[in-house]
């Protein structure tokens, strides 16, 4: 249980992560993700998950998040409006402090994996 007077169920959200083009492919984004999650894990004990969205065509970012132990938990059509056009997004989460995804997302993930098998 939670300690007396402490909030539970908080979350952290990574709003934007970008690396200048001349500095890409050097591990900087991975380092920023790792340090951010480590900071939350060490200093914010009530945070149960770190969430972020990513546009579905950004395969490099998707690979980064999945290699950094983020789980894809939802798909949102037309989430972004960029340069006059709608784009879809994925919602990713990394659960901390023993937290787990809601049953709805665990069942959906299991069903998706089962259908690919």
Foldseek 3Di string as FASTA:
>chain_A
DDDPPDDADAAAEDEDDDDPPVPPPPCPSLVVVVVVVVCCQVPPLRHFKYKYKDFPVPVVVVVSCVVSVWDFQDKAWQPDQPPNDGTIITMTMDTHDPDDDPPVRVVVVVVVVVVVD
